[in-house]
Amino acid sequence: MKRNKFNRYFDAVSDAFGFDILTDTRKRKYSDARFVLYYLCREDKMRLEEIQEFLQEKGYQASHTIIVHGHRNISAILDSGRDEDLQQLIDSVL
């Protein structure tokens, strides 16, 4: 069940950003997209280990620290209200 939700979030974020969000790069647009994925998963109460497992199945590795950092980053943006498009994306997916 959680795997299905992860895949739904992954597809929604990939479609919204329009590129492969798991490209192995630290470029901002890619990391921001992955942070949105981490945020969605954590808000849905997925454990860090589960998120890592699902990412590994797709050929991507992420540490606990980066997943937590990504969640905090997106939370701060949403709390500030400075990105309405991001808020709409999150609302439409959750």
PDB file of N, CA and C in Angstrom:
ATOM      1  N   MET A   1       0.818  -1.188   0.000  1.00  0.00           N
ATOM      2  CA  MET A   1       0.000   0.000   0.000  1.00  0.00           C
ATOM      3  C   MET A   1       0.867   1.258   0.000  1.00  0.00           C
ATOM      4  N   LYS A   2       1.865   1.297   0.895  1.00  0.00           N
ATOM      5  CA  LYS A   2       2.736   2.466   0.929  1.00  0.00           C
ATOM      6  C   LYS A   2       3.552   2.577  -0.354  1.00  0.00           C
ATOM      7  N   ARG A   3       3.932   1.444  -0.910  1.00  0.00           N
ATOM      8  CA  ARG A   3       4.680   1.460  -2.175  1.00  0.00           C
ATOM      9  C   ARG A   3       3.820   2.104  -3.266  1.00  0.00           C
ATOM     10  N   ASN A   4       2.526   1.786  -3.278  1.00  0.00           N
ATOM     11  CA  ASN A   4       1.628   2.379  -4.269  1.00  0.00           C
ATOM     12  C   ASN A   4       1.523   3.882  -4.079  1.00  0.00           C
ATOM     13  N   LYS A   5       1.430   4.321  -2.833  1.00  0.00           N
ATOM     14  CA  LYS A   5       1.372   5.762  -2.562  1.00  0.00           C
ATOM     15  C   LYS A   5       2.678   6.429  -2.975  1.00  0.00           C
ATOM     16  N   PHE A   6       3.802   5.784  -2.644  1.00  0.00           N
ATOM     17  CA  PHE A   6       5.090   6.341  -3.053  1.00  0.00           C
ATOM     18  C   PHE A   6       5.137   6.510  -4.567  1.00  0.00           C
ATOM     19  N   ASN A   7       4.734   5.478  -5.285  1.00  0.00           N
ATOM     20  CA  ASN A   7       4.761   5.540  -6.747  1.00  0.00           C
ATOM     21  C   ASN A   7       3.823   6.621  -7.281  1.00  0.00           C
ATOM     22  N   ARG A   8       2.682   6.808  -6.632  1.00  0.00           N
ATOM     23  CA  ARG A   8       1.758   7.862  -7.044  1.00  0.00           C
ATOM     24  C   ARG A   8       2.382   9.237  -6.819  1.00  0.00           C
ATOM     25  N   TYR A   9       3.018   9.417  -5.666  1.00  0.00           N
ATOM     26  CA  TYR A   9       3.692  10.687  -5.385  1.00  0.00           C
ATOM     27  C   TYR A   9       4.842  10.908  -6.365  1.00  0.00           C
ATOM     28  N   PHE A  10       5.611   9.864  -6.609  1.00  0.00           N
ATOM     29  CA  PHE A  10       6.736   9.957  -7.544  1.00  0.00           C
ATOM     30  C   PHE A  10       6.250  10.386  -8.927  1.00  0.00           C
ATOM     31  N   ASP A  11       5.206   9.738  -9.423  1.00  0.00           N
ATOM     32  CA  ASP A  11       4.667  10.076 -10.743  1.00  0.00           C
ATOM     33  C   ASP A  11       4.135  11.504 -10.788  1.00  0.00           C
ATOM     34  N   ALA A  12       3.436  11.917  -9.740  1.00  0.00           N
ATOM     35  CA  ALA A  12       2.867  13.268  -9.707  1.00  0.00           C
ATOM     36  C   ALA A  12       3.962  14.329  -9.706  1.00  0.00           C
ATOM     37  N   VAL A  13       5.000  14.119  -8.909  1.00  0.00           N
ATOM     38  CA  VAL A  13       6.097  15.090  -8.843  1.00  0.00           C
ATOM     39  C   VAL A  13       6.871  15.103 -10.158  1.00  0.00           C
ATOM     40  N   SER A  14       7.152  13.931 -10.701  1.00  0.00           N
ATOM     41  CA  SER A  14       7.864  13.863 -11.988  1.00  0.00           C
ATOM     42  C   SER A  14       7.083  14.566 -13.088  1.00  0.00           C
ATOM     43  N   ASP A  15       5.777  14.324 -13.128  1.00  0.00           N
ATOM     44  CA  ASP A  15       4.938  14.982 -14.138  1.00  0.00           C
ATOM     45  C   ASP A  15       4.914  16.493 -13.942  1.00  0.00           C
ATOM     46  N   ALA A  16       4.805  16.928 -12.696  1.00  0.00           N
ATOM     47  CA  ALA A  16       4.731  18.366 -12.405  1.00  0.00           C
ATOM     48  C   ALA A  16       6.020  19.083 -12.787  1.00  0.00           C
ATOM     49  N   PHE A  17       7.160  18.446 -12.534  1.00  0.00           N
ATOM     50  CA  PHE A  17       8.437  19.087 -12.834  1.00  0.00           C
ATOM     51  C   PHE A  17       8.877  18.840 -14.269  1.00  0.00           C
ATOM     52  N   GLY A  18       8.421  17.755 -14.859  1.00  0.00           N
ATOM     53  CA  GLY A  18       8.695  17.497 -16.268  1.00  0.00           C
ATOM     54  C   GLY A  18      10.068  16.930 -16.582  1.00  0.00           C
ATOM     55  N   PHE A  19      10.705  16.291 -15.609  1.00  0.00           N
ATOM     56  CA  PHE A  19      11.987  15.640 -15.858  1.00  0.00           C
ATOM     57  C   PHE A  19      12.176  14.501 -14.860  1.00  0.00           C
ATOM     58  N   ASP A  20      13.208  13.686 -15.105  1.00  0.00           N
ATOM     59  CA  ASP A  20      13.505  12.561 -14.214  1.00  0.00           C
ATOM     60  C   ASP A  20      14.088  13.110 -12.914  1.00  0.00           C
ATOM     61  N   ILE A  21      13.290  13.111 -11.857  1.00  0.00           N
ATOM     62  CA  ILE A  21      13.714  13.729 -10.601  1.00  0.00           C
ATOM     63  C   ILE A  21      14.803  12.922  -9.891  1.00  0.00           C
ATOM     64  N   LEU A  22      15.029  11.691 -10.313  1.00  0.00           N
ATOM     65  CA  LEU A  22      16.054  10.866  -9.682  1.00  0.00           C
ATOM     66  C   LEU A  22      17.370  10.881 -10.449  1.00  0.00           C
ATOM     67  N   THR A  23      17.538  11.853 -11.336  1.00  0.00           N
ATOM     68  CA  THR A  23      18.820  12.027 -11.993  1.00  0.00           C
ATOM     69  C   THR A  23      19.860  12.305 -10.916  1.00  0.00           C
ATOM     70  N   ASP A  24      20.977  11.613 -10.978  1.00  0.00           N
ATOM     71  CA  ASP A  24      21.994  11.726  -9.930  1.00  0.00           C
ATOM     72  C   ASP A  24      22.801  13.010 -10.100  1.00  0.00           C
ATOM     73  N   THR A  25      22.221  14.100  -9.611  1.00  0.00           N
ATOM     74  CA  THR A  25      22.875  15.403  -9.652  1.00  0.00           C
ATOM     75  C   THR A  25      22.423  16.217  -8.454  1.00  0.00           C
ATOM     76  N   ARG A  26      23.236  17.207  -8.093  1.00  0.00           N
ATOM     77  CA  ARG A  26      22.881  18.085  -6.986  1.00  0.00           C
ATOM     78  C   ARG A  26      22.358  19.425  -7.489  1.00  0.00           C
ATOM     79  N   LYS A  27      22.075  19.516  -8.765  1.00  0.00           N
ATOM     80  CA  LYS A  27      21.512  20.764  -9.300  1.00  0.00           C
ATOM     81  C   LYS A  27      20.209  21.071  -8.584  1.00  0.00           C
ATOM     82  N   ARG A  28      19.991  22.348  -8.339  1.00  0.00           N
ATOM     83  CA  ARG A  28      18.879  22.802  -7.500  1.00  0.00           C
ATOM     84  C   ARG A  28      17.520  22.293  -7.964  1.00  0.00           C
ATOM     85  N   LYS A  29      17.249  22.368  -9.273  1.00  0.00           N
ATOM     86  CA  LYS A  29      15.913  21.975  -9.733  1.00  0.00           C
ATOM     87  C   LYS A  29      15.638  20.499  -9.449  1.00  0.00           C
ATOM     88  N   TYR A  30      16.678  19.669  -9.513  1.00  0.00           N
ATOM     89  CA  TYR A  30      16.507  18.245  -9.247  1.00  0.00           C
ATOM     90  C   TYR A  30      16.349  17.986  -7.740  1.00  0.00           C
ATOM     91  N   SER A  31      17.185  18.629  -6.948  1.00  0.00           N
ATOM     92  CA  SER A  31      17.085  18.408  -5.501  1.00  0.00           C
ATOM     93  C   SER A  31      15.767  18.961  -4.962  1.00  0.00           C
ATOM     94  N   ASP A  32      15.319  20.105  -5.465  1.00  0.00           N
ATOM     95  CA  ASP A  32      14.026  20.644  -5.019  1.00  0.00           C
ATOM     96  C   ASP A  32      12.886  19.683  -5.340  1.00  0.00           C
ATOM     97  N   ALA A  33      12.920  19.092  -6.518  1.00  0.00           N
ATOM     98  CA  ALA A  33      11.878  18.137  -6.905  1.00  0.00           C
ATOM     99  C   ALA A  33      11.904  16.915  -5.990  1.00  0.00           C
ATOM    100  N   ARG A  34      13.106  16.417  -5.698  1.00  0.00           N
ATOM    101  CA  ARG A  34      13.203  15.276  -4.776  1.00  0.00           C
ATOM    102  C   ARG A  34      12.714  15.666  -3.393  1.00  0.00           C
ATOM    103  N   PHE A  35      13.002  16.894  -2.952  1.00  0.00           N
ATOM    104  CA  PHE A  35      12.540  17.353  -1.642  1.00  0.00           C
ATOM    105  C   PHE A  35      11.014  17.334  -1.567  1.00  0.00           C
ATOM    106  N   VAL A  36      10.363  17.690  -2.663  1.00  0.00           N
ATOM    107  CA  VAL A  36       8.893  17.643  -2.688  1.00  0.00           C
ATOM    108  C   VAL A  36       8.427  16.198  -2.505  1.00  0.00           C
ATOM    109  N   LEU A  37       9.084  15.276  -3.167  1.00  0.00           N
ATOM    110  CA  LEU A  37       8.750  13.856  -3.003  1.00  0.00           C
ATOM    111  C   LEU A  37       8.937  13.431  -1.550  1.00  0.00           C
ATOM    112  N   TYR A  38      10.057  13.803  -0.951  1.00  0.00           N
ATOM    113  CA  TYR A  38      10.309  13.439   0.449  1.00  0.00           C
ATOM    114  C   TYR A  38       9.234  14.053   1.355  1.00  0.00           C
ATOM    115  N   TYR A  39       8.875  15.295   1.082  1.00  0.00           N
ATOM    116  CA  TYR A  39       7.858  15.973   1.886  1.00  0.00           C
ATOM    117  C   TYR A  39       6.533  15.206   1.828  1.00  0.00           C
ATOM    118  N   LEU A  40       6.110  14.862   0.631  1.00  0.00           N
ATOM    119  CA  LEU A  40       4.846  14.146   0.468  1.00  0.00           C
ATOM    120  C   LEU A  40       4.864  12.820   1.225  1.00  0.00           C
ATOM    121  N   CYS A  41       5.962  12.102   1.110  1.00  0.00           N
ATOM    122  CA  CYS A  41       6.072  10.807   1.783  1.00  0.00           C
ATOM    123  C   CYS A  41       6.040  10.965   3.297  1.00  0.00           C
ATOM    124  N   ARG A  42       6.783  11.919   3.815  1.00  0.00           N
ATOM    125  CA  ARG A  42       6.831  12.115   5.268  1.00  0.00           C
ATOM    126  C   ARG A  42       5.499  12.611   5.809  1.00  0.00           C
ATOM    127  N   GLU A  43       4.805  13.462   5.054  1.00  0.00           N
ATOM    128  CA  GLU A  43       3.498  13.939   5.490  1.00  0.00           C
ATOM    129  C   GLU A  43       2.484  12.806   5.514  1.00  0.00           C
ATOM    130  N   ASP A  44       2.731  11.771   4.728  1.00  0.00           N
ATOM    131  CA  ASP A  44       1.869  10.594   4.701  1.00  0.00           C
ATOM    132  C   ASP A  44       2.347   9.544   5.708  1.00  0.00           C
ATOM    133  N   LYS A  45       3.236   9.965   6.588  1.00  0.00           N
ATOM    134  CA  LYS A  45       3.722   9.128   7.701  1.00  0.00           C
ATOM    135  C   LYS A  45       4.557   7.931   7.253  1.00  0.00           C
ATOM    136  N   MET A  46       5.208   8.024   6.096  1.00  0.00           N
ATOM    137  CA  MET A  46       6.125   6.955   5.701  1.00  0.00           C
ATOM    138  C   MET A  46       7.388   7.070   6.537  1.00  0.00           C
ATOM    139  N   ARG A  47       7.895   5.937   6.931  1.00  0.00           N
ATOM    140  CA  ARG A  47       9.145   5.902   7.689  1.00  0.00           C
ATOM    141  C   ARG A  47      10.318   6.189   6.755  1.00  0.00           C
ATOM    142  N   LEU A  48      11.383   6.718   7.323  1.00  0.00           N
ATOM    143  CA  LEU A  48      12.567   7.031   6.524  1.00  0.00           C
ATOM    144  C   LEU A  48      13.091   5.790   5.806  1.00  0.00           C
ATOM    145  N   GLU A  49      13.083   4.663   6.498  1.00  0.00           N
ATOM    146  CA  GLU A  49      13.580   3.423   5.902  1.00  0.00           C
ATOM    147  C   GLU A  49      12.744   3.005   4.695  1.00  0.00           C
ATOM    148  N   GLU A  50      11.444   3.230   4.788  1.00  0.00           N
ATOM    149  CA  GLU A  50      10.563   2.879   3.668  1.00  0.00           C
ATOM    150  C   GLU A  50      10.866   3.768   2.452  1.00  0.00           C
ATOM    151  N   ILE A  51      11.020   5.046   2.699  1.00  0.00           N
ATOM    152  CA  ILE A  51      11.325   5.969   1.597  1.00  0.00           C
ATOM    153  C   ILE A  51      12.639   5.558   0.945  1.00  0.00           C
ATOM    154  N   GLN A  52      13.639   5.263   1.760  1.00  0.00           N
ATOM    155  CA  GLN A  52      14.925   4.825   1.218  1.00  0.00           C
ATOM    156  C   GLN A  52      14.777   3.547   0.388  1.00  0.00           C
ATOM    157  N   GLU A  53      14.012   2.612   0.884  1.00  0.00           N
ATOM    158  CA  GLU A  53      13.804   1.345   0.171  1.00  0.00           C
ATOM    159  C   GLU A  53      13.144   1.586  -1.185  1.00  0.00           C
ATOM    160  N   PHE A  54      12.106   2.411  -1.205  1.00  0.00           N
ATOM    161  CA  PHE A  54      11.394   2.677  -2.450  1.00  0.00           C
ATOM    162  C   PHE A  54      12.283   3.427  -3.441  1.00  0.00           C
ATOM    163  N   LEU A  55      13.118   4.334  -2.936  1.00  0.00           N
ATOM    164  CA  LEU A  55      14.060   5.042  -3.805  1.00  0.00           C
ATOM    165  C   LEU A  55      15.093   4.070  -4.375  1.00  0.00           C
ATOM    166  N   GLN A  56      15.594   3.172  -3.526  1.00  0.00           N
ATOM    167  CA  GLN A  56      16.576   2.192  -3.980  1.00  0.00           C
ATOM    168  C   GLN A  56      16.012   1.294  -5.070  1.00  0.00           C
ATOM    169  N   GLU A  57      14.743   0.957  -4.967  1.00  0.00           N
ATOM    170  CA  GLU A  57      14.105   0.154  -6.004  1.00  0.00           C
ATOM    171  C   GLU A  57      14.103   0.875  -7.350  1.00  0.00           C
ATOM    172  N   LYS A  58      14.144   2.198  -7.297  1.00  0.00           N
ATOM    173  CA  LYS A  58      14.185   3.006  -8.523  1.00  0.00           C
ATOM    174  C   LYS A  58      15.621   3.381  -8.896  1.00  0.00           C
ATOM    175  N   GLY A  59      16.599   2.841  -8.148  1.00  0.00           N
ATOM    176  CA  GLY A  59      18.005   3.060  -8.475  1.00  0.00           C
ATOM    177  C   GLY A  59      18.596   4.333  -7.913  1.00  0.00           C
ATOM    178  N   TYR A  60      18.006   4.877  -6.855  1.00  0.00           N
ATOM    179  CA  TYR A  60      18.507   6.124  -6.264  1.00  0.00           C
ATOM    180  C   TYR A  60      18.744   5.925  -4.776  1.00  0.00           C
ATOM    181  N   GLN A  61      19.823   6.508  -4.271  1.00  0.00           N
ATOM    182  CA  GLN A  61      20.158   6.405  -2.849  1.00  0.00           C
ATOM    183  C   GLN A  61      20.010   7.768  -2.190  1.00  0.00           C
ATOM    184  N   ALA A  62      19.365   7.803  -1.038  1.00  0.00           N
ATOM    185  CA  ALA A  62      19.248   9.035  -0.262  1.00  0.00           C
ATOM    186  C   ALA A  62      19.404   8.683   1.219  1.00  0.00           C
ATOM    187  N   SER A  63      20.162   9.491   1.922  1.00  0.00           N
ATOM    188  CA  SER A  63      20.383   9.253   3.346  1.00  0.00           C
ATOM    189  C   SER A  63      19.194   9.748   4.163  1.00  0.00           C
ATOM    190  N   HIS A  64      19.116   9.279   5.389  1.00  0.00           N
ATOM    191  CA  HIS A  64      18.083   9.780   6.303  1.00  0.00           C
ATOM    192  C   HIS A  64      18.188  11.292   6.423  1.00  0.00           C
ATOM    193  N   THR A  65      19.408  11.770   6.549  1.00  0.00           N
ATOM    194  CA  THR A  65      19.647  13.196   6.756  1.00  0.00           C
ATOM    195  C   THR A  65      19.098  14.037   5.617  1.00  0.00           C
ATOM    196  N   ILE A  66      19.313  13.620   4.391  1.00  0.00           N
ATOM    197  CA  ILE A  66      18.852  14.423   3.258  1.00  0.00           C
ATOM    198  C   ILE A  66      17.331  14.375   3.142  1.00  0.00           C
ATOM    199  N   ILE A  67      16.724  13.255   3.492  1.00  0.00           N
ATOM    200  CA  ILE A  67      15.259  13.164   3.461  1.00  0.00           C
ATOM    201  C   ILE A  67      14.657  14.110   4.505  1.00  0.00           C
ATOM    202  N   VAL A  68      15.222  14.112   5.699  1.00  0.00           N
ATOM    203  CA  VAL A  68      14.744  15.006   6.754  1.00  0.00           C
ATOM    204  C   VAL A  68      14.983  16.462   6.349  1.00  0.00           C
ATOM    205  N   HIS A  69      16.153  16.755   5.801  1.00  0.00           N
ATOM    206  CA  HIS A  69      16.470  18.112   5.348  1.00  0.00           C
ATOM    207  C   HIS A  69      15.482  18.561   4.270  1.00  0.00           C
ATOM    208  N   GLY A  70      15.202  17.686   3.323  1.00  0.00           N
ATOM    209  CA  GLY A  70      14.262  18.020   2.256  1.00  0.00           C
ATOM    210  C   GLY A  70      12.871  18.309   2.783  1.00  0.00           C
ATOM    211  N   HIS A  71      12.416  17.511   3.726  1.00  0.00           N
ATOM    212  CA  HIS A  71      11.098  17.723   4.327  1.00  0.00           C
ATOM    213  C   HIS A  71      11.054  19.078   5.022  1.00  0.00           C
ATOM    214  N   ARG A  72      12.086  19.381   5.790  1.00  0.00           N
ATOM    215  CA  ARG A  72      12.136  20.676   6.503  1.00  0.00           C
ATOM    216  C   ARG A  72      12.175  21.841   5.533  1.00  0.00           C
ATOM    217  N   ASN A  73      12.923  21.678   4.456  1.00  0.00           N
ATOM    218  CA  ASN A  73      13.055  22.736   3.452  1.00  0.00           C
ATOM    219  C   ASN A  73      11.697  23.067   2.838  1.00  0.00           C
ATOM    220  N   ILE A  74      10.981  22.057   2.409  1.00  0.00           N
ATOM    221  CA  ILE A  74       9.665  22.272   1.787  1.00  0.00           C
ATOM    222  C   ILE A  74       8.671  22.792   2.825  1.00  0.00           C
ATOM    223  N   SER A  75       8.740  22.281   4.048  1.00  0.00           N
ATOM    224  CA  SER A  75       7.860  22.783   5.112  1.00  0.00           C
ATOM    225  C   SER A  75       8.055  24.279   5.318  1.00  0.00           C
ATOM    226  N   ALA A  76       9.306  24.725   5.329  1.00  0.00           N
ATOM    227  CA  ALA A  76       9.605  26.142   5.533  1.00  0.00           C
ATOM    228  C   ALA A  76       9.052  26.993   4.388  1.00  0.00           C
ATOM    229  N   ILE A  77       9.180  26.505   3.173  1.00  0.00           N
ATOM    230  CA  ILE A  77       8.653  27.235   2.014  1.00  0.00           C
ATOM    231  C   ILE A  77       7.132  27.341   2.110  1.00  0.00           C
ATOM    232  N   LEU A  78       6.483  26.239   2.438  1.00  0.00           N
ATOM    233  CA  LEU A  78       5.023  26.242   2.537  1.00  0.00           C
ATOM    234  C   LEU A  78       4.547  27.119   3.694  1.00  0.00           C
ATOM    235  N   ASP A  79       5.246  27.068   4.815  1.00  0.00           N
ATOM    236  CA  ASP A  79       4.878  27.884   5.977  1.00  0.00           C
ATOM    237  C   ASP A  79       5.008  29.374   5.691  1.00  0.00           C
ATOM    238  N   SER A  80       5.978  29.731   4.850  1.00  0.00           N
ATOM    239  CA  SER A  80       6.189  31.147   4.531  1.00  0.00           C
ATOM    240  C   SER A  80       5.141  31.674   3.556  1.00  0.00           C
ATOM    241  N   GLY A  81       4.487  30.758   2.835  1.00  0.00           N
ATOM    242  CA  GLY A  81       3.473  31.153   1.859  1.00  0.00           C
ATOM    243  C   GLY A  81       4.034  31.821   0.628  1.00  0.00           C
ATOM    244  N   ARG A  82       5.322  31.630   0.356  1.00  0.00           N
ATOM    245  CA  ARG A  82       5.956  32.337  -0.755  1.00  0.00           C
ATOM    246  C   ARG A  82       5.926  31.592  -2.088  1.00  0.00           C
ATOM    247  N   ASP A  83       5.347  30.398  -2.108  1.00  0.00           N
ATOM    248  CA  ASP A  83       5.295  29.648  -3.367  1.00  0.00           C
ATOM    249  C   ASP A  83       3.913  29.010  -3.519  1.00  0.00           C
ATOM    250  N   GLU A  84       3.018  29.738  -4.145  1.00  0.00           N
ATOM    251  CA  GLU A  84       1.641  29.258  -4.313  1.00  0.00           C
ATOM    252  C   GLU A  84       1.561  28.048  -5.232  1.00  0.00           C
ATOM    253  N   ASP A  85       2.416  28.010  -6.254  1.00  0.00           N
ATOM    254  CA  ASP A  85       2.418  26.864  -7.170  1.00  0.00           C
ATOM    255  C   ASP A  85       2.784  25.572  -6.434  1.00  0.00           C
ATOM    256  N   LEU A  86       3.771  25.673  -5.571  1.00  0.00           N
ATOM    257  CA  LEU A  86       4.168  24.505  -4.789  1.00  0.00           C
ATOM    258  C   LEU A  86       3.036  24.074  -3.868  1.00  0.00           C
ATOM    259  N   GLN A  87       2.385  25.029  -3.240  1.00  0.00           N
ATOM    260  CA  GLN A  87       1.260  24.709  -2.352  1.00  0.00           C
ATOM    261  C   GLN A  87       0.140  24.017  -3.129  1.00  0.00           C
ATOM    262  N   GLN A  88      -0.136  24.485  -4.333  1.00  0.00           N
ATOM    263  CA  GLN A  88      -1.177  23.861  -5.160  1.00  0.00           C
ATOM    264  C   GLN A  88      -0.790  22.432  -5.533  1.00  0.00           C
ATOM    265  N   LEU A  89       0.476  22.220  -5.859  1.00  0.00           N
ATOM    266  CA  LEU A  89       0.949  20.871  -6.190  1.00  0.00           C
ATOM    267  C   LEU A  89       0.773  19.941  -4.993  1.00  0.00           C
ATOM    268  N   ILE A  90       1.201  20.370  -3.830  1.00  0.00           N
ATOM    269  CA  ILE A  90       1.087  19.553  -2.626  1.00  0.00           C
ATOM    270  C   ILE A  90      -0.384  19.240  -2.333  1.00  0.00           C
ATOM    271  N   ASP A  91      -1.228  20.271  -2.417  1.00  0.00           N
ATOM    272  CA  ASP A  91      -2.661  20.073  -2.144  1.00  0.00           C
ATOM    273  C   ASP A  91      -3.297  19.101  -3.135  1.00  0.00           C
ATOM    274  N   SER A  92      -2.890  19.172  -4.380  1.00  0.00           N
ATOM    275  CA  SER A  92      -3.498  18.301  -5.394  1.00  0.00           C
ATOM    276  C   SER A  92      -3.070  16.842  -5.236  1.00  0.00           C
ATOM    277  N   VAL A  93      -1.883  16.634  -4.696  1.00  0.00           N
ATOM    278  CA  VAL A  93      -1.371  15.268  -4.565  1.00  0.00           C
ATOM    279  C   VAL A  93      -1.828  14.632  -3.253  1.00  0.00           C
ATOM    280  N   LEU A  94      -1.790  15.400  -2.178  1.00  0.00           N
ATOM    281  CA  LEU A  94      -2.211  14.836  -0.886  1.00  0.00           C
ATOM    282  C   LEU A  94      -3.709  14.820  -0.859  1.00  0.00           C
TER     283      LEU A  94
END
